[in-house]
Amino acid sequence: MALLLQTAGSLVAILALAGLAWWLKLGGVPRLDSEAAVARAAGEVEDGFTPIAAACDAEGASALACDGAGRIIVIKRHGNRFAGRVLGPKASAQLGGQPGEFNLEVDPGEPRFGKVFLTLDDAQAWADAINRLNARQDA
């Protein structure tokens, strides 16, 4: 009987904590669904990065942003936070995917960071801008 009461008490405590977390709006899945959200995440990833243009993935899981100096940053969800990289000359982008899937694949040139797959309205323009980063080094 004591074990049953202990188990019931633990279950009540867990449910109470879950309810408190929900009420305080803790946890959840962060989204990059606006230019303000992208600017906030870009500033956290690269101190002082102020986007002048941004594009959010259709699902809000990743984004691209460009600053006044022509730097481009790619941001992706990593757990309940965001990770990102300022793209350099090793970065590349290509159009891809099937209808209803991603339409842009960004390779930041860092194997540990991995490729980022986005669904954007202006995928071609972003792919061209990213691929021009490599051309600047070749000139």
C-alpha atoms as a PDB file:
ATOM      1  CA  MET A   1       0.000   0.000   0.000  1.00  0.00           C
ATOM      2  CA  ALA A   2       2.868   2.383   0.796  1.00  0.00           C
ATOM      3  CA  LEU A   3       4.398   1.761  -2.636  1.00  0.00           C
ATOM      4  CA  LEU A   4       1.074   2.571  -4.306  1.00  0.00           C
ATOM      5  CA  LEU A   5       0.784   5.853  -2.381  1.00  0.00           C
ATOM      6  CA  GLN A   6       4.374   6.750  -3.199  1.00  0.00           C
ATOM      7  CA  THR A   7       3.800   6.057  -6.917  1.00  0.00           C
ATOM      8  CA  ALA A   8       0.570   8.065  -6.945  1.00  0.00           C
ATOM      9  CA  GLY A   9       2.286  10.944  -5.146  1.00  0.00           C
ATOM     10  CA  SER A  10       5.124  10.936  -7.659  1.00  0.00           C
ATOM     11  CA  LEU A  11       2.670  10.947 -10.559  1.00  0.00           C
ATOM     12  CA  VAL A  12       0.786  13.906  -9.079  1.00  0.00           C
ATOM     13  CA  ALA A  13       4.073  15.797  -8.565  1.00  0.00           C
ATOM     14  CA  ILE A  14       5.169  15.134 -12.153  1.00  0.00           C
ATOM     15  CA  LEU A  15       1.831  16.291 -13.540  1.00  0.00           C
ATOM     16  CA  ALA A  16       1.960  19.411 -11.359  1.00  0.00           C
ATOM     17  CA  LEU A  17       5.447  20.294 -12.632  1.00  0.00           C
ATOM     18  CA  ALA A  18       4.407  19.661 -16.233  1.00  0.00           C
ATOM     19  CA  GLY A  19       1.377  21.898 -15.746  1.00  0.00           C
ATOM     20  CA  LEU A  20       3.539  24.627 -14.243  1.00  0.00           C
ATOM     21  CA  ALA A  21       5.985  24.447 -17.165  1.00  0.00           C
ATOM     22  CA  TRP A  22       3.098  24.680 -19.636  1.00  0.00           C
ATOM     23  CA  TRP A  23       1.579  27.618 -17.760  1.00  0.00           C
ATOM     24  CA  LEU A  24       4.932  29.451 -17.760  1.00  0.00           C
ATOM     25  CA  LYS A  25       5.364  28.605 -21.470  1.00  0.00           C
ATOM     26  CA  LEU A  26       8.679  26.874 -20.832  1.00  0.00           C
ATOM     27  CA  GLY A  27      10.150  24.450 -23.317  1.00  0.00           C
ATOM     28  CA  GLY A  28       8.537  24.090 -26.690  1.00  0.00           C
ATOM     29  CA  VAL A  29      10.082  24.232 -30.112  1.00  0.00           C
ATOM     30  CA  PRO A  30      11.732  27.523 -31.105  1.00  0.00           C
ATOM     31  CA  ARG A  31      10.895  28.820 -34.567  1.00  0.00           C
ATOM     32  CA  LEU A  32      12.525  31.128 -37.055  1.00  0.00           C
ATOM     33  CA  ASP A  33       9.271  32.449 -38.480  1.00  0.00           C
ATOM     34  CA  SER A  34       9.942  36.176 -38.824  1.00  0.00           C
ATOM     35  CA  GLU A  35      12.759  38.537 -39.708  1.00  0.00           C
ATOM     36  CA  ALA A  36      12.868  39.630 -36.060  1.00  0.00           C
ATOM     37  CA  ALA A  37      13.376  36.010 -34.930  1.00  0.00           C
ATOM     38  CA  VAL A  38      16.132  35.546 -37.521  1.00  0.00           C
ATOM     39  CA  ALA A  39      17.829  38.807 -36.463  1.00  0.00           C
ATOM     40  CA  ARG A  40      17.715  37.743 -32.809  1.00  0.00           C
ATOM     41  CA  ALA A  41      19.178  34.294 -33.581  1.00  0.00           C
ATOM     42  CA  ALA A  42      21.836  35.736 -35.915  1.00  0.00           C
ATOM     43  CA  GLY A  43      22.939  38.159 -33.204  1.00  0.00           C
ATOM     44  CA  GLU A  44      23.270  35.287 -30.747  1.00  0.00           C
ATOM     45  CA  VAL A  45      25.263  33.166 -33.194  1.00  0.00           C
ATOM     46  CA  GLU A  46      27.594  35.940 -34.390  1.00  0.00           C
ATOM     47  CA  ASP A  47      27.932  38.922 -32.075  1.00  0.00           C
ATOM     48  CA  GLY A  48      27.138  42.141 -33.925  1.00  0.00           C
ATOM     49  CA  PHE A  49      25.586  40.457 -36.974  1.00  0.00           C
ATOM     50  CA  THR A  50      22.748  42.758 -38.079  1.00  0.00           C
ATOM     51  CA  PRO A  51      20.774  41.369 -41.028  1.00  0.00           C
ATOM     52  CA  ILE A  52      19.566  43.611 -43.822  1.00  0.00           C
ATOM     53  CA  ALA A  53      17.863  40.683 -45.583  1.00  0.00           C
ATOM     54  CA  ALA A  54      16.578  37.376 -44.255  1.00  0.00           C
ATOM     55  CA  ALA A  55      14.734  34.313 -45.469  1.00  0.00           C
ATOM     56  CA  CYS A  56      12.959  31.848 -43.177  1.00  0.00           C
ATOM     57  CA  ASP A  57      12.474  28.200 -43.981  1.00  0.00           C
ATOM     58  CA  ALA A  58       8.811  27.267 -44.509  1.00  0.00           C
ATOM     59  CA  GLU A  59       8.860  25.130 -41.337  1.00  0.00           C
ATOM     60  CA  GLY A  60      10.716  27.706 -39.224  1.00  0.00           C
ATOM     61  CA  ALA A  61      13.585  25.315 -38.520  1.00  0.00           C
ATOM     62  CA  SER A  62      16.303  27.215 -40.379  1.00  0.00           C
ATOM     63  CA  ALA A  63      17.054  30.538 -42.027  1.00  0.00           C
ATOM     64  CA  LEU A  64      19.530  32.577 -44.024  1.00  0.00           C
ATOM     65  CA  ALA A  65      20.481  36.205 -43.423  1.00  0.00           C
ATOM     66  CA  CYS A  66      22.783  38.734 -45.047  1.00  0.00           C
ATOM     67  CA  ASP A  67      24.335  41.778 -43.382  1.00  0.00           C
ATOM     68  CA  GLY A  68      25.496  45.110 -44.772  1.00  0.00           C
ATOM     69  CA  ALA A  69      29.033  43.803 -45.282  1.00  0.00           C
ATOM     70  CA  GLY A  70      27.773  41.043 -47.594  1.00  0.00           C
ATOM     71  CA  ARG A  71      28.297  38.265 -45.070  1.00  0.00           C
ATOM     72  CA  ILE A  72      25.734  35.466 -45.127  1.00  0.00           C
ATOM     73  CA  ILE A  73      24.828  33.410 -42.087  1.00  0.00           C
ATOM     74  CA  VAL A  74      22.988  30.093 -42.081  1.00  0.00           C
ATOM     75  CA  ILE A  75      21.049  29.198 -38.939  1.00  0.00           C
ATOM     76  CA  LYS A  76      19.453  25.889 -37.995  1.00  0.00           C
ATOM     77  CA  ARG A  77      17.617  24.530 -34.977  1.00  0.00           C
ATOM     78  CA  HIS A  78      19.820  22.470 -32.683  1.00  0.00           C
ATOM     79  CA  GLY A  79      17.716  20.986 -29.883  1.00  0.00           C
ATOM     80  CA  ASN A  80      15.793  23.854 -28.336  1.00  0.00           C
ATOM     81  CA  ARG A  81      18.330  26.477 -29.448  1.00  0.00           C
ATOM     82  CA  PHE A  82      19.786  27.675 -32.728  1.00  0.00           C
ATOM     83  CA  ALA A  83      23.245  27.133 -34.174  1.00  0.00           C
ATOM     84  CA  GLY A  84      24.682  28.979 -37.118  1.00  0.00           C
ATOM     85  CA  ARG A  85      27.728  29.717 -39.201  1.00  0.00           C
ATOM     86  CA  VAL A  86      28.884  32.730 -41.150  1.00  0.00           C
ATOM     87  CA  LEU A  87      29.509  31.271 -44.579  1.00  0.00           C
ATOM     88  CA  GLY A  88      32.980  31.507 -46.070  1.00  0.00           C
ATOM     89  CA  PRO A  89      34.672  30.532 -49.317  1.00  0.00           C
ATOM     90  CA  LYS A  90      34.182  26.789 -48.683  1.00  0.00           C
ATOM     91  CA  ALA A  91      30.397  27.194 -48.541  1.00  0.00           C
ATOM     92  CA  SER A  92      28.199  26.135 -51.410  1.00  0.00           C
ATOM     93  CA  ALA A  93      24.522  25.940 -52.220  1.00  0.00           C
ATOM     94  CA  GLN A  94      22.501  23.996 -54.712  1.00  0.00           C
ATOM     95  CA  LEU A  95      18.875  23.752 -55.627  1.00  0.00           C
ATOM     96  CA  GLY A  96      17.347  20.382 -54.965  1.00  0.00           C
ATOM     97  CA  GLY A  97      14.642  18.303 -53.443  1.00  0.00           C
ATOM     98  CA  GLN A  98      11.348  17.067 -54.745  1.00  0.00           C
ATOM     99  CA  PRO A  99       8.104  19.053 -54.883  1.00  0.00           C
ATOM    100  CA  GLY A 100       6.897  19.523 -51.310  1.00  0.00           C
ATOM    101  CA  GLU A 101      10.410  18.994 -49.931  1.00  0.00           C
ATOM    102  CA  PHE A 102      13.347  21.353 -49.476  1.00  0.00           C
ATOM    103  CA  ASN A 103      14.440  23.417 -52.447  1.00  0.00           C
ATOM    104  CA  LEU A 104      17.838  24.656 -51.234  1.00  0.00           C
ATOM    105  CA  GLU A 105      20.753  22.704 -49.790  1.00  0.00           C
ATOM    106  CA  VAL A 106      23.431  24.794 -48.071  1.00  0.00           C
ATOM    107  CA  ASP A 107      26.787  23.253 -47.255  1.00  0.00           C
ATOM    108  CA  PRO A 108      28.707  25.616 -44.966  1.00  0.00           C
ATOM    109  CA  GLY A 109      31.936  23.727 -45.655  1.00  0.00           C
ATOM    110  CA  GLU A 110      32.173  22.378 -42.105  1.00  0.00           C
ATOM    111  CA  PRO A 111      31.464  18.639 -41.911  1.00  0.00           C
ATOM    112  CA  ARG A 112      30.743  18.777 -38.153  1.00  0.00           C
ATOM    113  CA  PHE A 113      28.039  21.429 -38.669  1.00  0.00           C
ATOM    114  CA  GLY A 114      26.406  19.531 -41.518  1.00  0.00           C
ATOM    115  CA  LYS A 115      24.289  20.605 -44.430  1.00  0.00           C
ATOM    116  CA  VAL A 116      21.180  22.714 -43.961  1.00  0.00           C
ATOM    117  CA  PHE A 117      18.044  22.056 -46.003  1.00  0.00           C
ATOM    118  CA  LEU A 118      15.598  24.918 -46.518  1.00  0.00           C
ATOM    119  CA  THR A 119      12.349  25.551 -48.346  1.00  0.00           C
ATOM    120  CA  LEU A 120      12.414  29.168 -49.526  1.00  0.00           C
ATOM    121  CA  ASP A 121      10.447  31.272 -51.984  1.00  0.00           C
ATOM    122  CA  ASP A 122      13.637  32.847 -53.370  1.00  0.00           C
ATOM    123  CA  ALA A 123      15.955  29.824 -53.242  1.00  0.00           C
ATOM    124  CA  GLN A 124      17.698  30.645 -56.536  1.00  0.00           C
ATOM    125  CA  ALA A 125      18.724  34.130 -55.389  1.00  0.00           C
ATOM    126  CA  TRP A 126      20.141  32.806 -52.112  1.00  0.00           C
ATOM    127  CA  ALA A 127      21.989  29.980 -53.904  1.00  0.00           C
ATOM    128  CA  ASP A 128      23.580  32.497 -56.278  1.00  0.00           C
ATOM    129  CA  ALA A 129      24.625  34.767 -53.386  1.00  0.00           C
ATOM    130  CA  ILE A 130      26.164  31.879 -51.438  1.00  0.00           C
ATOM    131  CA  ASN A 131      28.022  30.519 -54.455  1.00  0.00           C
ATOM    132  CA  ARG A 132      29.417  34.020 -55.175  1.00  0.00           C
ATOM    133  CA  LEU A 133      31.192  33.892 -51.783  1.00  0.00           C
ATOM    134  CA  ASN A 134      33.541  31.310 -53.287  1.00  0.00           C
ATOM    135  CA  ALA A 135      34.082  33.438 -56.403  1.00  0.00           C
ATOM    136  CA  ARG A 136      35.329  36.372 -54.280  1.00  0.00           C
ATOM    137  CA  GLN A 137      38.232  34.227 -53.047  1.00  0.00           C
ATOM    138  CA  ASP A 138      39.088  33.046 -56.570  1.00  0.00           C
ATOM    139  CA  ALA A 139      39.397  36.566 -57.986  1.00  0.00           C
END
